[in-house]
Amino acid sequence: MASLDTTAMMVVVGGRTLFTYGDVTHVSYLASGRKSVLSLLYGKYAENGTIDLDKKLSELQLTDVGGLTARELNATIRHLLTARSGIYHPPSNGGDDTANAPARGTVTPGDRFVYNNWDFNAAGAVFEKLTGRDIYDALDTDLARPIGMEDFDRARQRWRISTAPASASRATRPCRNIRRTTCGSRRATWRASGCSRCVKGRGAIVR
C-alpha cells in the first residue's frame, strides 16, 4: 500500500477490526464521497413520504443564476440524484464532466447520464428544503450514530464563506444566514429569497 501512497486503511468485519494500516485517525480529503452519503440520507425521507423523488424542479421552484429552461425545470429529484437531470448549468465547483456535456437545453431529463456537480449541489439544497433539516444534523442522527461511526464529530462540520472565485470551490453549501441561497456561487437557489452577499456575487460559498 505504501507504493499507492495510501494514507490509511481499516478492515472491519462484524464489528471487529481485522486490519489497519497507517494513521487511521488522520482526516483525509475524499473526493465526491458526499454524493453517495447524500443518497443514503435521502432513503429514510423517500420511504416515509417526506420526499417525493419524482417531484419536478418546477414544483419546487428551484432556479439558479440566469434561470433554468422550461425543459430543465421538468427534471425531478430522482434525476438529480442519478446525474440524469439534463441540466448543464455551470456548477460552483469543478471536478466533474460538465466540460464534455451537451449544450444546455438539448437533452431531455432522464435521457443521459453526465457526471455533473450541479445535480448534487441542487440535491443537497432540495434535501434541506423538504426535510427542514441541516444536512450535517441529518448525517449525525440518521447515519453516523446508527452505524457506529466512532470519529464523526458534528461540531467539526461547519460552513465558511470564501472570497475565492466560485469555480475554485470544491463543494457548495448554502449561505450561513439564509440557508437556501447561494446566488453568487452559481449554486441552486430558491426563488423570492436572497442574501445580499451572495446575490451581489462578493463571495463563493464553500464547504
Protein backbone atom coordinates (compact mmCIF):
# COMPACT_ATOMS: atom_id res chain seq x y z
CA MET A 1 0.00 0.00 0.00
CA ALA A 2 2.94 2.31 0.52
CA SER A 3 3.53 2.18 -3.24
CA LEU A 4 -0.02 3.51 -3.80
CA ASP A 5 0.53 6.49 -1.48
CA THR A 6 -2.16 5.15 0.87
CA THR A 7 -2.83 7.38 3.90
CA ALA A 8 -4.63 4.76 5.95
CA MET A 9 -6.82 1.70 5.68
CA MET A 10 -9.04 -0.26 8.04
CA VAL A 11 -10.91 -3.52 7.51
CA VAL A 12 -13.85 -4.14 9.87
CA VAL A 13 -15.98 -7.30 9.76
CA GLY A 14 -18.87 -7.93 12.13
CA GLY A 15 -17.79 -5.08 14.35
CA ARG A 16 -14.25 -6.45 14.73
CA THR A 17 -11.22 -4.67 13.34
CA LEU A 18 -9.27 -7.21 11.30
CA PHE A 19 -6.62 -4.99 9.78
CA THR A 20 -5.30 -1.44 9.99
CA TYR A 21 -2.63 0.41 8.05
CA GLY A 22 -1.25 3.90 8.59
CA ASP A 23 -2.74 6.58 10.81
CA VAL A 24 -6.46 5.78 10.84
CA THR A 25 -7.16 8.98 12.83
CA HIS A 26 -5.83 11.17 10.02
CA VAL A 27 -8.52 13.31 8.37
CA SER A 28 -8.26 12.99 4.60
CA TYR A 29 -9.98 14.75 1.72
CA LEU A 30 -12.28 12.28 -0.02
CA ALA A 31 -13.39 13.46 -3.43
CA SER A 32 -17.10 13.13 -4.18
CA GLY A 33 -17.86 10.95 -1.17
CA ARG A 34 -20.68 13.38 -0.34
CA LYS A 35 -22.73 12.15 -3.29
CA SER A 36 -23.08 8.61 -2.02
CA VAL A 37 -23.67 9.84 1.52
CA LEU A 38 -26.37 12.25 0.35
CA SER A 39 -28.15 9.41 -1.47
CA LEU A 40 -28.08 7.37 1.75
CA LEU A 41 -29.60 10.28 3.69
CA TYR A 42 -32.41 10.60 1.15
CA GLY A 43 -33.54 7.00 1.68
CA LYS A 44 -35.34 7.46 5.00
CA TYR A 45 -37.26 10.50 3.84
CA ALA A 46 -38.19 8.99 0.49
CA GLU A 47 -39.51 5.90 2.29
CA ASN A 48 -41.61 7.81 4.82
CA GLY A 49 -43.07 10.13 2.19
CA THR A 50 -41.35 13.34 3.27
CA ILE A 51 -39.61 13.48 -0.11
CA ASP A 52 -41.22 12.50 -3.41
CA LEU A 53 -38.34 11.61 -5.70
CA ASP A 54 -40.49 12.27 -8.76
CA LYS A 55 -41.29 15.86 -7.83
CA LYS A 56 -40.15 18.28 -10.54
CA LEU A 57 -37.89 21.27 -10.05
CA SER A 58 -40.70 23.47 -11.33
CA GLU A 59 -42.84 22.30 -8.42
CA LEU A 60 -40.01 23.03 -6.02
CA GLN A 61 -39.46 26.50 -7.53
CA LEU A 62 -35.78 25.72 -7.86
CA THR A 63 -33.69 28.02 -10.01
CA ASP A 64 -30.14 29.31 -10.38
CA VAL A 65 -28.26 32.33 -11.69
CA GLY A 66 -29.56 33.08 -15.17
CA GLY A 67 -32.55 30.81 -14.65
CA LEU A 68 -33.38 27.32 -15.91
CA THR A 69 -35.11 26.46 -19.16
CA ALA A 70 -38.61 25.02 -19.33
CA ARG A 71 -37.14 21.64 -20.29
CA GLU A 72 -34.67 21.73 -17.40
CA LEU A 73 -37.44 22.50 -14.92
CA ASN A 74 -39.02 19.15 -15.83
CA ALA A 75 -36.11 17.36 -14.14
CA THR A 76 -37.00 15.54 -10.94
CA ILE A 77 -35.22 14.93 -7.66
CA ARG A 78 -34.55 11.39 -8.86
CA HIS A 79 -32.81 12.81 -11.92
CA LEU A 80 -30.60 14.97 -9.69
CA LEU A 81 -29.54 12.01 -7.55
CA THR A 82 -28.69 9.90 -10.60
CA ALA A 83 -26.91 12.68 -12.54
CA ARG A 84 -29.53 12.50 -15.29
CA SER A 85 -31.16 15.92 -14.95
CA GLY A 86 -30.04 17.21 -18.34
CA ILE A 87 -29.19 20.49 -16.61
CA TYR A 88 -25.69 21.58 -17.55
CA HIS A 89 -25.66 24.87 -15.70
CA PRO A 90 -22.08 25.73 -14.63
CA PRO A 91 -21.58 24.31 -11.13
CA SER A 92 -19.81 26.30 -8.42
CA ASN A 93 -17.24 23.54 -8.03
CA GLY A 94 -15.20 21.74 -10.64
CA GLY A 95 -14.03 18.17 -10.88
CA ASP A 96 -16.95 16.77 -12.86
CA ASP A 97 -17.60 16.11 -16.55
CA THR A 98 -19.57 19.28 -17.31
CA ALA A 99 -16.99 20.37 -19.88
CA ASN A 100 -17.97 17.38 -22.04
CA ALA A 101 -21.71 17.78 -21.55
CA PRO A 102 -24.03 18.54 -24.47
CA ALA A 103 -25.26 22.08 -24.98
CA ARG A 104 -27.84 23.24 -22.47
CA GLY A 105 -31.42 22.63 -23.47
CA THR A 106 -30.63 19.77 -25.85
CA VAL A 107 -31.16 16.80 -23.51
CA THR A 108 -34.45 15.69 -22.01
CA PRO A 109 -34.21 15.00 -18.26
CA GLY A 110 -33.62 11.30 -17.65
CA ASP A 111 -32.21 10.54 -21.09
CA ARG A 112 -28.49 10.84 -20.44
CA PHE A 113 -26.03 10.34 -17.58
CA VAL A 114 -23.44 13.09 -17.16
CA TYR A 115 -21.28 13.27 -14.04
CA ASN A 116 -22.37 16.75 -13.04
CA ASN A 117 -21.75 18.52 -9.73
CA TRP A 118 -24.68 20.88 -10.29
CA ASP A 119 -27.10 17.98 -9.85
CA PHE A 120 -25.71 17.00 -6.47
CA ASN A 121 -25.38 20.58 -5.25
CA ALA A 122 -29.04 21.10 -6.08
CA ALA A 123 -29.99 17.76 -4.48
CA GLY A 124 -28.39 18.95 -1.24
CA ALA A 125 -30.43 22.15 -1.29
CA VAL A 126 -33.60 20.16 -2.03
CA PHE A 127 -32.92 17.80 0.88
CA GLU A 128 -32.67 20.67 3.35
CA LYS A 129 -35.73 22.41 1.91
CA LEU A 130 -38.04 19.39 2.07
CA THR A 131 -36.84 17.89 5.34
CA GLY A 132 -36.31 21.17 7.15
CA ARG A 133 -33.02 19.73 8.42
CA ASP A 134 -29.40 20.73 8.09
CA ILE A 135 -27.53 18.03 6.15
CA TYR A 136 -24.86 17.78 8.83
CA ASP A 137 -27.51 17.24 11.52
CA ALA A 138 -29.12 14.53 9.41
CA LEU A 139 -25.75 12.90 8.81
CA ASP A 140 -25.18 12.84 12.57
CA THR A 141 -28.54 11.39 13.66
CA ASP A 142 -29.53 9.33 10.62
CA LEU A 143 -26.23 7.75 9.63
CA ALA A 144 -23.18 8.38 11.81
CA ARG A 145 -24.75 7.34 15.13
CA PRO A 146 -26.85 4.40 13.90
CA ILE A 147 -23.94 2.70 12.13
CA GLY A 148 -21.48 3.49 14.92
CA MET A 149 -19.10 5.94 13.28
CA GLU A 150 -16.50 6.36 16.02
CA ASP A 151 -14.76 9.52 14.85
CA PHE A 152 -17.59 11.60 13.38
CA ASP A 153 -17.84 14.92 15.23
CA ARG A 154 -20.84 17.09 14.40
CA ALA A 155 -19.11 20.11 15.97
CA ARG A 156 -16.42 19.97 13.29
CA GLN A 157 -18.93 20.24 10.45
CA ARG A 158 -19.39 23.89 9.54
CA TRP A 159 -19.76 26.34 6.69
CA ARG A 160 -17.37 29.08 5.76
CA ILE A 161 -17.51 31.92 3.26
CA SER A 162 -14.56 32.30 0.94
CA THR A 163 -13.65 35.22 -1.30
CA ALA A 164 -12.12 32.84 -3.83
CA PRO A 165 -13.79 32.55 -7.25
CA ALA A 166 -16.76 30.20 -7.30
CA SER A 167 -15.01 27.93 -9.78
CA ALA A 168 -12.30 27.27 -7.21
CA SER A 169 -14.63 25.90 -4.55
CA ARG A 170 -14.73 22.15 -4.13
CA ALA A 171 -18.25 21.82 -2.83
CA THR A 172 -21.05 24.25 -2.15
CA ARG A 173 -23.19 24.87 0.88
CA PRO A 174 -25.96 27.39 1.48
CA CYS A 175 -25.33 30.86 2.86
CA ARG A 176 -24.83 30.66 6.60
CA ASN A 177 -27.57 33.19 7.31
CA ILE A 178 -30.14 32.34 4.67
CA ARG A 179 -29.59 28.66 4.09
CA ARG A 180 -31.28 28.26 0.72
CA THR A 181 -29.37 30.99 -1.09
CA THR A 182 -26.02 30.80 -2.81
CA CYS A 183 -26.59 33.13 -5.70
CA GLY A 184 -23.07 34.48 -6.04
CA SER A 185 -21.63 30.99 -6.08
CA ARG A 186 -23.84 29.93 -9.00
CA ARG A 187 -25.42 27.18 -6.98
CA ALA A 188 -29.12 26.31 -6.94
CA THR A 189 -31.11 28.92 -5.06
CA TRP A 190 -34.73 29.37 -4.03
CA ARG A 191 -36.97 31.99 -5.59
CA ALA A 192 -38.01 35.01 -3.59
CA SER A 193 -35.12 34.68 -1.16
CA GLY A 194 -31.78 36.34 -1.26
CA CYS A 195 -28.68 37.13 0.72
CA SER A 196 -27.08 40.42 -0.37
CA ARG A 197 -23.58 38.95 -0.05
CA CYS A 198 -24.49 36.08 -2.37
CA VAL A 199 -26.72 37.98 -4.78
CA LYS A 200 -24.04 40.58 -5.43
CA GLY A 201 -21.50 37.86 -6.02
CA ARG A 202 -18.96 39.05 -3.47
CA GLY A 203 -18.07 35.58 -2.26
CA ALA A 204 -18.23 31.93 -3.13
CA ILE A 205 -19.87 29.58 -0.68
CA VAL A 206 -17.72 26.56 0.01
CA ARG A 207 -17.72 23.65 2.36
